[in-house]
Amino acid sequence: MLRDIDFVLEKLRWMRDQQIWPNGLRYLWTDTFGLILLVSLYRDLEDDAYLREAEWLVAEVERVLGRERGIRIGEAPDRDGQYFHYLAMWLFALSRLGRIRPEYRERGIALAKDIHPAFVIPGAGVIWKMTEDLSAPYPGYGLGALDAFDGYVVYRLLDENALAPEILEMEALIERDYEQLDIDQDLGLGMMLWLAHFFPEERWATVQTERSLATLDRMWIDPPGYFCRSPRQRRMKLAFTNYGVSLGLQAVGQHPERVERLNAFVDTYRSGDEYDRDAITHVMACTSHFPGDFIRR
């Protein structure tokens, strides 16, 4: 697992100076990765400033994105509605902060119980995106492929007893789907590897880890050293999704040489679009260089 603290601290300094993050627009996915980064820095450097900033960030996310039930996707006008997989990642971040401040773990359990009935159709699946008030599926969106895996893993990490009924519903969906599930997108593959590393002895995790690594082998572009978007999109590359693959590979302890080469290439890659300055790119770069509390200890 990488621990490039100097890279991370310089990246954080630059993002603050450019008002990209954490002093930019709120976006739940980015803020989740950023929260885990701050917790990781606090635990690694034993500097209370990072813990204070982590708690400030939670308060800001709840103030700006919090709704009566759940948390909105983002602050920008076109980021309305709620994604289950974003919420699940936020729950994971709260569980990590909750190891230091237990009240955040309790907050996560309460949020999980509140949103679960809106998103989960027992025996059918997990709705990928809901309207902002969680009253109905977002128009044009159906069931997610990885969402049950997200919920199953994160709920167990939060509290296996308090969330036992919800875990059973997610487990049933996983058992039904894991043999047939064939992920072919870079970020999805990286996140599946990350999810699986928490319970590597379980059959779904073994199958999906082996399958994900095999698919990523077909997506490795060498030279210069990055993962394409999918086996069908060999010319397409995104920086933040490559950083997500890096997280997954580090979680399962595979291909450290590819992680190093990926970082070397993507750190200097410029796509010429909004992603060059978007916070998601730079916060996830920090995660790739220092996964910290993302990894099971």
C-alpha atoms as a PDB file:
ATOM      1  CA  MET A   1       0.000   0.000   0.000  1.00  0.00           C
ATOM      2  CA  LEU A   2       1.383   3.392  -0.985  1.00  0.00           C
ATOM      3  CA  ARG A   3       2.061   6.127   1.543  1.00  0.00           C
ATOM      4  CA  ASP A   4       3.093   9.163  -0.472  1.00  0.00           C
ATOM      5  CA  ILE A   5       2.301  11.767   2.178  1.00  0.00           C
ATOM      6  CA  ASP A   6       4.332  14.539   0.542  1.00  0.00           C
ATOM      7  CA  PHE A   7       2.298  14.200  -2.661  1.00  0.00           C
ATOM      8  CA  VAL A   8      -0.955  14.329  -0.708  1.00  0.00           C
ATOM      9  CA  LEU A   9      -0.039  17.375   1.378  1.00  0.00           C
ATOM     10  CA  GLU A  10       1.100  19.305  -1.683  1.00  0.00           C
ATOM     11  CA  LYS A  11      -2.053  18.321  -3.569  1.00  0.00           C
ATOM     12  CA  LEU A  12      -4.226  19.460  -0.646  1.00  0.00           C
ATOM     13  CA  ARG A  13      -2.360  22.766  -0.482  1.00  0.00           C
ATOM     14  CA  TRP A  14      -2.862  23.320  -4.214  1.00  0.00           C
ATOM     15  CA  MET A  15      -6.572  22.414  -4.111  1.00  0.00           C
ATOM     16  CA  ARG A  16      -7.177  24.850  -1.255  1.00  0.00           C
ATOM     17  CA  ASP A  17      -5.287  27.630  -3.041  1.00  0.00           C
ATOM     18  CA  GLN A  18      -7.305  27.007  -6.216  1.00  0.00           C
ATOM     19  CA  GLN A  19     -10.578  26.754  -4.207  1.00  0.00           C
ATOM     20  CA  ILE A  20     -11.219  23.304  -5.641  1.00  0.00           C
ATOM     21  CA  TRP A  21     -11.551  21.282  -2.401  1.00  0.00           C
ATOM     22  CA  PRO A  22     -12.575  21.308   0.406  1.00  0.00           C
ATOM     23  CA  ASN A  23     -13.546  24.934  -0.234  1.00  0.00           C
ATOM     24  CA  GLY A  24     -15.333  24.263  -3.543  1.00  0.00           C
ATOM     25  CA  LEU A  25     -18.801  23.015  -4.442  1.00  0.00           C
ATOM     26  CA  ARG A  26     -19.980  20.039  -2.413  1.00  0.00           C
ATOM     27  CA  TYR A  27     -20.195  16.687  -4.236  1.00  0.00           C
ATOM     28  CA  LEU A  28     -20.925  13.597  -2.174  1.00  0.00           C
ATOM     29  CA  TRP A  29     -18.561  11.167  -3.949  1.00  0.00           C
ATOM     30  CA  THR A  30     -15.608  13.563  -3.734  1.00  0.00           C
ATOM     31  CA  ASP A  31     -16.404  14.555  -0.167  1.00  0.00           C
ATOM     32  CA  THR A  32     -16.536  10.892   0.820  1.00  0.00           C
ATOM     33  CA  PHE A  33     -13.051  10.228  -0.531  1.00  0.00           C
ATOM     34  CA  GLY A  34     -11.868  13.472   1.035  1.00  0.00           C
ATOM     35  CA  LEU A  35     -13.315  12.578   4.434  1.00  0.00           C
ATOM     36  CA  ILE A  36     -11.502   9.248   4.441  1.00  0.00           C
ATOM     37  CA  LEU A  37      -8.323  11.040   3.379  1.00  0.00           C
ATOM     38  CA  LEU A  38      -8.585  13.445   6.324  1.00  0.00           C
ATOM     39  CA  VAL A  39      -9.226  10.586   8.749  1.00  0.00           C
ATOM     40  CA  SER A  40      -6.253   8.712   7.284  1.00  0.00           C
ATOM     41  CA  LEU A  41      -3.973  11.732   7.696  1.00  0.00           C
ATOM     42  CA  TYR A  42      -5.124  12.197  11.283  1.00  0.00           C
ATOM     43  CA  ARG A  43      -4.418   8.561  12.136  1.00  0.00           C
ATOM     44  CA  ASP A  44      -1.073   8.536  10.324  1.00  0.00           C
ATOM     45  CA  LEU A  45       0.314  11.931  11.363  1.00  0.00           C
ATOM     46  CA  GLU A  46      -1.504  12.264  14.720  1.00  0.00           C
ATOM     47  CA  ASP A  47      -2.360  15.865  13.915  1.00  0.00           C
ATOM     48  CA  ASP A  48      -5.666  17.014  15.415  1.00  0.00           C
ATOM     49  CA  ALA A  49      -6.109  19.590  12.652  1.00  0.00           C
ATOM     50  CA  TYR A  50      -7.118  16.827  10.236  1.00  0.00           C
ATOM     51  CA  LEU A  51      -9.686  15.455  12.675  1.00  0.00           C
ATOM     52  CA  ARG A  52     -11.182  18.915  13.146  1.00  0.00           C
ATOM     53  CA  GLU A  53     -11.357  19.385   9.383  1.00  0.00           C
ATOM     54  CA  ALA A  54     -12.981  15.960   8.982  1.00  0.00           C
ATOM     55  CA  GLU A  55     -15.719  16.897  11.432  1.00  0.00           C
ATOM     56  CA  TRP A  56     -16.149  20.274   9.715  1.00  0.00           C
ATOM     57  CA  LEU A  57     -16.540  18.476   6.395  1.00  0.00           C
ATOM     58  CA  VAL A  58     -19.297  16.220   7.739  1.00  0.00           C
ATOM     59  CA  ALA A  59     -21.137  19.268   9.045  1.00  0.00           C
ATOM     60  CA  GLU A  60     -20.783  21.036   5.680  1.00  0.00           C
ATOM     61  CA  VAL A  61     -22.032  18.033   3.702  1.00  0.00           C
ATOM     62  CA  GLU A  62     -25.040  17.733   5.989  1.00  0.00           C
ATOM     63  CA  ARG A  63     -25.692  21.492   5.847  1.00  0.00           C
ATOM     64  CA  VAL A  64     -25.448  21.823   2.055  1.00  0.00           C
ATOM     65  CA  LEU A  65     -26.520  18.392   0.764  1.00  0.00           C
ATOM     66  CA  GLY A  66     -28.487  16.949   3.657  1.00  0.00           C
ATOM     67  CA  ARG A  67     -32.200  16.411   3.109  1.00  0.00           C
ATOM     68  CA  GLU A  68     -35.019  15.285   5.405  1.00  0.00           C
ATOM     69  CA  ARG A  69     -34.134  11.760   4.302  1.00  0.00           C
ATOM     70  CA  GLY A  70     -30.720  11.042   2.822  1.00  0.00           C
ATOM     71  CA  ILE A  71     -28.131  13.235   1.105  1.00  0.00           C
ATOM     72  CA  ARG A  72     -28.325  14.913  -2.303  1.00  0.00           C
ATOM     73  CA  ILE A  73     -25.719  13.940  -4.936  1.00  0.00           C
ATOM     74  CA  GLY A  74     -24.135  17.367  -5.241  1.00  0.00           C
ATOM     75  CA  GLU A  75     -24.500  21.111  -4.851  1.00  0.00           C
ATOM     76  CA  ALA A  76     -24.543  21.989  -8.572  1.00  0.00           C
ATOM     77  CA  PRO A  77     -28.019  22.276 -10.160  1.00  0.00           C
ATOM     78  CA  ASP A  78     -27.506  19.228 -12.393  1.00  0.00           C
ATOM     79  CA  ARG A  79     -26.532  16.994  -9.466  1.00  0.00           C
ATOM     80  CA  ASP A  80     -29.962  16.502  -7.995  1.00  0.00           C
ATOM     81  CA  GLY A  81     -31.412  13.240  -6.734  1.00  0.00           C
ATOM     82  CA  GLN A  82     -29.717  10.578  -4.616  1.00  0.00           C
ATOM     83  CA  TYR A  83     -27.436   7.696  -5.632  1.00  0.00           C
ATOM     84  CA  PHE A  84     -27.364   4.633  -3.403  1.00  0.00           C
ATOM     85  CA  HIS A  85     -23.705   3.880  -4.122  1.00  0.00           C
ATOM     86  CA  TYR A  86     -22.717   7.441  -3.162  1.00  0.00           C
ATOM     87  CA  LEU A  87     -24.672   7.104   0.072  1.00  0.00           C
ATOM     88  CA  ALA A  88     -23.064   3.730   0.778  1.00  0.00           C
ATOM     89  CA  MET A  89     -19.597   5.226   0.355  1.00  0.00           C
ATOM     90  CA  TRP A  90     -20.546   8.070   2.703  1.00  0.00           C
ATOM     91  CA  LEU A  91     -21.660   5.487   5.248  1.00  0.00           C
ATOM     92  CA  PHE A  92     -18.251   3.842   4.951  1.00  0.00           C
ATOM     93  CA  ALA A  93     -16.557   7.197   5.568  1.00  0.00           C
ATOM     94  CA  LEU A  94     -18.723   7.740   8.659  1.00  0.00           C
ATOM     95  CA  SER A  95     -17.758   4.277   9.906  1.00  0.00           C
ATOM     96  CA  ARG A  96     -14.071   5.196   9.617  1.00  0.00           C
ATOM     97  CA  LEU A  97     -14.547   8.515  11.389  1.00  0.00           C
ATOM     98  CA  GLY A  98     -16.698   6.629  13.889  1.00  0.00           C
ATOM     99  CA  ARG A  99     -13.701   4.596  15.024  1.00  0.00           C
ATOM    100  CA  ILE A 100     -12.376   7.859  16.460  1.00  0.00           C
ATOM    101  CA  ARG A 101     -15.660   9.572  17.321  1.00  0.00           C
ATOM    102  CA  PRO A 102     -18.329   6.893  17.967  1.00  0.00           C
ATOM    103  CA  GLU A 103     -21.221   9.305  17.423  1.00  0.00           C
ATOM    104  CA  TYR A 104     -20.502   9.303  13.693  1.00  0.00           C
ATOM    105  CA  ARG A 105     -20.907   5.553  13.543  1.00  0.00           C
ATOM    106  CA  GLU A 106     -24.303   5.931  15.202  1.00  0.00           C
ATOM    107  CA  ARG A 107     -25.151   8.641  12.687  1.00  0.00           C
ATOM    108  CA  GLY A 108     -24.251   6.243   9.884  1.00  0.00           C
ATOM    109  CA  ILE A 109     -26.439   3.462  11.269  1.00  0.00           C
ATOM    110  CA  ALA A 110     -29.404   5.834  11.503  1.00  0.00           C
ATOM    111  CA  LEU A 111     -28.849   7.040   7.925  1.00  0.00           C
ATOM    112  CA  ALA A 112     -28.599   3.457   6.615  1.00  0.00           C
ATOM    113  CA  LYS A 113     -31.879   2.471   8.263  1.00  0.00           C
ATOM    114  CA  ASP A 114     -33.560   5.592   6.912  1.00  0.00           C
ATOM    115  CA  ILE A 115     -32.561   5.207   3.254  1.00  0.00           C
ATOM    116  CA  HIS A 116     -32.616   1.410   2.933  1.00  0.00           C
ATOM    117  CA  PRO A 117     -36.389   0.940   2.497  1.00  0.00           C
ATOM    118  CA  ALA A 118     -36.498   3.604  -0.213  1.00  0.00           C
ATOM    119  CA  PHE A 119     -33.785   2.051  -2.381  1.00  0.00           C
ATOM    120  CA  VAL A 120     -34.079  -1.688  -1.775  1.00  0.00           C
ATOM    121  CA  ILE A 121     -36.722  -3.913  -3.328  1.00  0.00           C
ATOM    122  CA  PRO A 122     -36.259  -7.234  -1.499  1.00  0.00           C
ATOM    123  CA  GLY A 123     -35.667 -10.092  -3.918  1.00  0.00           C
ATOM    124  CA  ALA A 124     -35.466  -7.722  -6.894  1.00  0.00           C
ATOM    125  CA  GLY A 125     -32.575  -5.311  -6.434  1.00  0.00           C
ATOM    126  CA  VAL A 126     -31.383  -1.877  -5.355  1.00  0.00           C
ATOM    127  CA  ILE A 127     -32.617   1.191  -7.229  1.00  0.00           C
ATOM    128  CA  TRP A 128     -29.593   3.041  -8.574  1.00  0.00           C
ATOM    129  CA  LYS A 129     -30.952   6.595  -8.329  1.00  0.00           C
ATOM    130  CA  MET A 130     -33.902   8.078  -6.474  1.00  0.00           C
ATOM    131  CA  THR A 131     -35.592  11.448  -6.585  1.00  0.00           C
ATOM    132  CA  GLU A 132     -34.302  13.913  -4.042  1.00  0.00           C
ATOM    133  CA  ASP A 133     -37.067  13.270  -1.516  1.00  0.00           C
ATOM    134  CA  LEU A 134     -36.725   9.455  -1.968  1.00  0.00           C
ATOM    135  CA  SER A 135     -40.381   9.249  -2.998  1.00  0.00           C
ATOM    136  CA  ALA A 136     -39.766   7.427  -6.305  1.00  0.00           C
ATOM    137  CA  PRO A 137     -37.060   6.131  -8.642  1.00  0.00           C
ATOM    138  CA  TYR A 138     -35.442   8.909 -10.655  1.00  0.00           C
ATOM    139  CA  PRO A 139     -36.972   8.926 -14.157  1.00  0.00           C
ATOM    140  CA  GLY A 140     -35.020   6.756 -16.555  1.00  0.00           C
ATOM    141  CA  TYR A 141     -33.044   4.855 -13.907  1.00  0.00           C
ATOM    142  CA  GLY A 142     -33.447   1.219 -12.891  1.00  0.00           C
ATOM    143  CA  LEU A 143     -31.605  -1.256 -10.651  1.00  0.00           C
ATOM    144  CA  GLY A 144     -27.874  -0.980  -9.989  1.00  0.00           C
ATOM    145  CA  ALA A 145     -25.413  -3.815 -10.601  1.00  0.00           C
ATOM    146  CA  LEU A 146     -23.000  -3.215  -7.696  1.00  0.00           C
ATOM    147  CA  ASP A 147     -25.305  -1.485  -5.241  1.00  0.00           C
ATOM    148  CA  ALA A 148     -26.217  -4.602  -3.248  1.00  0.00           C
ATOM    149  CA  PHE A 149     -22.507  -5.358  -2.834  1.00  0.00           C
ATOM    150  CA  ASP A 150     -21.937  -1.782  -1.638  1.00  0.00           C
ATOM    151  CA  GLY A 151     -24.707  -2.046   0.916  1.00  0.00           C
ATOM    152  CA  TYR A 152     -23.766  -5.524   2.130  1.00  0.00           C
ATOM    153  CA  VAL A 153     -20.124  -4.644   2.800  1.00  0.00           C
ATOM    154  CA  VAL A 154     -20.678  -1.187   4.248  1.00  0.00           C
ATOM    155  CA  TYR A 155     -23.566  -2.253   6.478  1.00  0.00           C
ATOM    156  CA  ARG A 156     -21.411  -5.034   7.924  1.00  0.00           C
ATOM    157  CA  LEU A 157     -18.574  -2.615   8.580  1.00  0.00           C
ATOM    158  CA  LEU A 158     -20.954  -0.197  10.297  1.00  0.00           C
ATOM    159  CA  ASP A 159     -22.679  -2.657  12.638  1.00  0.00           C
ATOM    160  CA  GLU A 160     -23.569  -6.262  11.843  1.00  0.00           C
ATOM    161  CA  ASN A 161     -26.066  -6.454  14.697  1.00  0.00           C
ATOM    162  CA  ALA A 162     -27.873  -3.138  14.335  1.00  0.00           C
ATOM    163  CA  LEU A 163     -28.217  -3.628  10.564  1.00  0.00           C
ATOM    164  CA  ALA A 164     -28.795  -7.394  10.546  1.00  0.00           C
ATOM    165  CA  PRO A 165     -32.163  -7.327   8.679  1.00  0.00           C
ATOM    166  CA  GLU A 166     -30.803  -4.966   6.027  1.00  0.00           C
ATOM    167  CA  ILE A 167     -27.656  -7.074   5.623  1.00  0.00           C
ATOM    168  CA  LEU A 168     -29.732 -10.200   5.036  1.00  0.00           C
ATOM    169  CA  GLU A 169     -31.659  -8.493   2.234  1.00  0.00           C
ATOM    170  CA  MET A 170     -28.434  -7.378   0.563  1.00  0.00           C
ATOM    171  CA  GLU A 171     -26.841 -10.800   1.009  1.00  0.00           C
ATOM    172  CA  ALA A 172     -29.761 -12.487  -0.722  1.00  0.00           C
ATOM    173  CA  LEU A 173     -29.313 -10.194  -3.734  1.00  0.00           C
ATOM    174  CA  ILE A 174     -25.581 -10.901  -3.847  1.00  0.00           C
ATOM    175  CA  GLU A 175     -26.084 -14.660  -3.681  1.00  0.00           C
ATOM    176  CA  ARG A 176     -28.524 -14.428  -6.564  1.00  0.00           C
ATOM    177  CA  ASP A 177     -26.315 -12.282  -8.792  1.00  0.00           C
ATOM    178  CA  TYR A 178     -22.595 -12.713  -8.122  1.00  0.00           C
ATOM    179  CA  GLU A 179     -22.010 -15.712 -10.418  1.00  0.00           C
ATOM    180  CA  GLN A 180     -23.515 -13.948 -13.445  1.00  0.00           C
ATOM    181  CA  LEU A 181     -22.180 -10.439 -12.758  1.00  0.00           C
ATOM    182  CA  ASP A 182     -19.493  -9.470 -15.283  1.00  0.00           C
ATOM    183  CA  ILE A 183     -18.227  -5.913 -14.728  1.00  0.00           C
ATOM    184  CA  ASP A 184     -16.542  -4.276 -17.711  1.00  0.00           C
ATOM    185  CA  GLN A 185     -15.938  -0.676 -16.589  1.00  0.00           C
ATOM    186  CA  ASP A 186     -12.721   0.560 -14.976  1.00  0.00           C
ATOM    187  CA  LEU A 187     -14.094   2.268 -11.877  1.00  0.00           C
ATOM    188  CA  GLY A 188     -16.623  -0.505 -11.231  1.00  0.00           C
ATOM    189  CA  LEU A 189     -13.817  -3.077 -11.395  1.00  0.00           C
ATOM    190  CA  GLY A 190     -11.669  -1.089  -9.002  1.00  0.00           C
ATOM    191  CA  MET A 191     -14.498  -0.649  -6.521  1.00  0.00           C
ATOM    192  CA  MET A 192     -15.442  -4.336  -6.701  1.00  0.00           C
ATOM    193  CA  LEU A 193     -11.857  -5.295  -5.841  1.00  0.00           C
ATOM    194  CA  TRP A 194     -11.992  -2.848  -2.937  1.00  0.00           C
ATOM    195  CA  LEU A 195     -15.311  -4.232  -1.668  1.00  0.00           C
ATOM    196  CA  ALA A 196     -14.147  -7.836  -1.973  1.00  0.00           C
ATOM    197  CA  HIS A 197     -10.964  -7.317   0.050  1.00  0.00           C
ATOM    198  CA  PHE A 198     -12.950  -6.863   3.263  1.00  0.00           C
ATOM    199  CA  PHE A 199     -14.347 -10.424   3.134  1.00  0.00           C
ATOM    200  CA  PRO A 200     -11.925 -12.280   0.826  1.00  0.00           C
ATOM    201  CA  GLU A 201     -12.910 -15.703   2.118  1.00  0.00           C
ATOM    202  CA  GLU A 202     -16.517 -15.387   0.961  1.00  0.00           C
ATOM    203  CA  ARG A 203     -17.364 -17.055  -2.331  1.00  0.00           C
ATOM    204  CA  TRP A 204     -18.738 -13.934  -4.041  1.00  0.00           C
ATOM    205  CA  ALA A 205     -15.533 -12.073  -3.204  1.00  0.00           C
ATOM    206  CA  THR A 206     -13.302 -14.846  -4.546  1.00  0.00           C
ATOM    207  CA  VAL A 207     -15.230 -15.092  -7.806  1.00  0.00           C
ATOM    208  CA  GLN A 208     -15.454 -11.356  -8.391  1.00  0.00           C
ATOM    209  CA  THR A 209     -11.815 -10.699  -7.488  1.00  0.00           C
ATOM    210  CA  GLU A 210     -10.581 -13.276  -9.969  1.00  0.00           C
ATOM    211  CA  ARG A 211     -12.971 -12.086 -12.669  1.00  0.00           C
ATOM    212  CA  SER A 212     -12.194  -8.387 -12.112  1.00  0.00           C
ATOM    213  CA  LEU A 213      -8.433  -8.919 -12.277  1.00  0.00           C
ATOM    214  CA  ALA A 214      -8.803 -10.907 -15.509  1.00  0.00           C
ATOM    215  CA  THR A 215     -10.873  -8.146 -17.105  1.00  0.00           C
ATOM    216  CA  LEU A 216      -8.421  -5.463 -15.995  1.00  0.00           C
ATOM    217  CA  ASP A 217      -5.615  -7.450 -17.615  1.00  0.00           C
ATOM    218  CA  ARG A 218      -7.367  -6.922 -20.951  1.00  0.00           C
ATOM    219  CA  MET A 219      -7.713  -3.200 -20.265  1.00  0.00           C
ATOM    220  CA  TRP A 220      -4.088  -2.398 -19.419  1.00  0.00           C
ATOM    221  CA  ILE A 221      -2.591  -0.138 -22.088  1.00  0.00           C
ATOM    222  CA  ASP A 222       1.184  -0.505 -22.128  1.00  0.00           C
ATOM    223  CA  PRO A 223       2.816   1.804 -23.059  1.00  0.00           C
ATOM    224  CA  PRO A 224       2.268   4.313 -21.532  1.00  0.00           C
ATOM    225  CA  GLY A 225       0.635   2.581 -18.532  1.00  0.00           C
ATOM    226  CA  TYR A 226      -3.043   3.108 -17.727  1.00  0.00           C
ATOM    227  CA  PHE A 227      -6.377   1.274 -17.813  1.00  0.00           C
ATOM    228  CA  CYS A 228      -8.807   2.072 -20.615  1.00  0.00           C
ATOM    229  CA  ARG A 229     -12.448   2.729 -19.831  1.00  0.00           C
ATOM    230  CA  SER A 230     -13.597  -0.779 -20.838  1.00  0.00           C
ATOM    231  CA  PRO A 231     -12.500  -3.601 -23.163  1.00  0.00           C
ATOM    232  CA  ARG A 232     -14.707  -2.002 -25.839  1.00  0.00           C
ATOM    233  CA  GLN A 233     -13.354   1.532 -25.264  1.00  0.00           C
ATOM    234  CA  ARG A 234      -9.608   1.051 -25.523  1.00  0.00           C
ATOM    235  CA  ARG A 235      -8.925   4.626 -26.584  1.00  0.00           C
ATOM    236  CA  MET A 236     -10.871   6.215 -23.754  1.00  0.00           C
ATOM    237  CA  LYS A 237      -9.167   7.037 -20.458  1.00  0.00           C
ATOM    238  CA  LEU A 238     -10.199   8.984 -17.373  1.00  0.00           C
ATOM    239  CA  ALA A 239      -7.861  10.019 -14.593  1.00  0.00           C
ATOM    240  CA  PHE A 240     -10.225   9.627 -11.634  1.00  0.00           C
ATOM    241  CA  THR A 241     -11.400   6.168 -12.701  1.00  0.00           C
ATOM    242  CA  ASN A 242      -7.787   5.006 -13.040  1.00  0.00           C
ATOM    243  CA  TYR A 243      -7.185   6.183  -9.494  1.00  0.00           C
ATOM    244  CA  GLY A 244     -10.183   4.065  -8.484  1.00  0.00           C
ATOM    245  CA  VAL A 245      -8.596   1.019 -10.134  1.00  0.00           C
ATOM    246  CA  SER A 246      -5.404   1.802  -8.232  1.00  0.00           C
ATOM    247  CA  LEU A 247      -7.328   1.709  -4.957  1.00  0.00           C
ATOM    248  CA  GLY A 248      -8.781  -1.685  -5.839  1.00  0.00           C
ATOM    249  CA  LEU A 249      -5.421  -3.165  -6.826  1.00  0.00           C
ATOM    250  CA  GLN A 250      -3.799  -1.917  -3.637  1.00  0.00           C
ATOM    251  CA  ALA A 251      -6.677  -3.325  -1.580  1.00  0.00           C
ATOM    252  CA  VAL A 252      -6.114  -6.848  -2.940  1.00  0.00           C
ATOM    253  CA  GLY A 253      -2.326  -6.503  -3.110  1.00  0.00           C
ATOM    254  CA  GLN A 254      -2.023  -7.026  -6.853  1.00  0.00           C
ATOM    255  CA  HIS A 255       0.133  -5.432  -9.570  1.00  0.00           C
ATOM    256  CA  PRO A 256       2.035  -2.822  -7.541  1.00  0.00           C
ATOM    257  CA  GLU A 257       4.132  -2.095 -10.615  1.00  0.00           C
ATOM    258  CA  ARG A 258       0.993  -1.111 -12.541  1.00  0.00           C
ATOM    259  CA  VAL A 259      -0.116   1.126  -9.681  1.00  0.00           C
ATOM    260  CA  GLU A 260       3.224   2.939  -9.783  1.00  0.00           C
ATOM    261  CA  ARG A 261       3.142   3.330 -13.565  1.00  0.00           C
ATOM    262  CA  LEU A 262      -0.515   4.371 -13.533  1.00  0.00           C
ATOM    263  CA  ASN A 263       0.202   7.141 -11.044  1.00  0.00           C
ATOM    264  CA  ALA A 264       3.248   8.291 -13.001  1.00  0.00           C
ATOM    265  CA  PHE A 265       1.190   8.614 -16.184  1.00  0.00           C
ATOM    266  CA  VAL A 266      -2.156   9.867 -14.862  1.00  0.00           C
ATOM    267  CA  ASP A 267      -0.628  12.431 -12.482  1.00  0.00           C
ATOM    268  CA  THR A 268       0.583  14.388 -15.514  1.00  0.00           C
ATOM    269  CA  TYR A 269      -2.209  13.481 -17.962  1.00  0.00           C
ATOM    270  CA  ARG A 270      -4.451  16.317 -19.130  1.00  0.00           C
ATOM    271  CA  SER A 271      -7.739  15.538 -20.841  1.00  0.00           C
ATOM    272  CA  GLY A 272      -8.439  19.118 -21.901  1.00  0.00           C
ATOM    273  CA  ASP A 273     -11.902  19.129 -20.305  1.00  0.00           C
ATOM    274  CA  GLU A 274     -13.446  19.955 -16.923  1.00  0.00           C
ATOM    275  CA  TYR A 275     -11.885  16.908 -15.281  1.00  0.00           C
ATOM    276  CA  ASP A 276      -8.453  18.578 -15.347  1.00  0.00           C
ATOM    277  CA  ARG A 277      -9.576  20.846 -12.489  1.00  0.00           C
ATOM    278  CA  ASP A 278     -12.496  18.891 -11.070  1.00  0.00           C
ATOM    279  CA  ALA A 279     -12.069  17.999  -7.405  1.00  0.00           C
ATOM    280  CA  ILE A 280     -12.934  14.344  -8.058  1.00  0.00           C
ATOM    281  CA  THR A 281      -9.719  13.939 -10.069  1.00  0.00           C
ATOM    282  CA  HIS A 282      -7.425  15.438  -7.471  1.00  0.00           C
ATOM    283  CA  VAL A 283      -9.001  14.003  -4.321  1.00  0.00           C
ATOM    284  CA  MET A 284      -8.945  10.521  -5.855  1.00  0.00           C
ATOM    285  CA  ALA A 285      -5.309  11.105  -6.847  1.00  0.00           C
ATOM    286  CA  CYS A 286      -4.613  11.514  -3.132  1.00  0.00           C
ATOM    287  CA  THR A 287      -6.382   8.228  -2.445  1.00  0.00           C
ATOM    288  CA  SER A 288      -4.278   6.440  -5.055  1.00  0.00           C
ATOM    289  CA  HIS A 289      -1.063   7.755  -3.492  1.00  0.00           C
ATOM    290  CA  PHE A 290      -2.252   7.141   0.088  1.00  0.00           C
ATOM    291  CA  PRO A 291      -5.234   4.743   0.479  1.00  0.00           C
ATOM    292  CA  GLY A 292      -4.925   4.870   4.262  1.00  0.00           C
ATOM    293  CA  ASP A 293      -8.185   3.947   5.990  1.00  0.00           C
ATOM    294  CA  PHE A 294      -9.719   2.661   2.770  1.00  0.00           C
ATOM    295  CA  ILE A 295      -7.709  -0.529   3.314  1.00  0.00           C
ATOM    296  CA  ARG A 296      -8.594  -3.182   5.853  1.00  0.00           C
ATOM    297  CA  ARG A 297      -6.122  -3.290   8.722  1.00  0.00           C
END
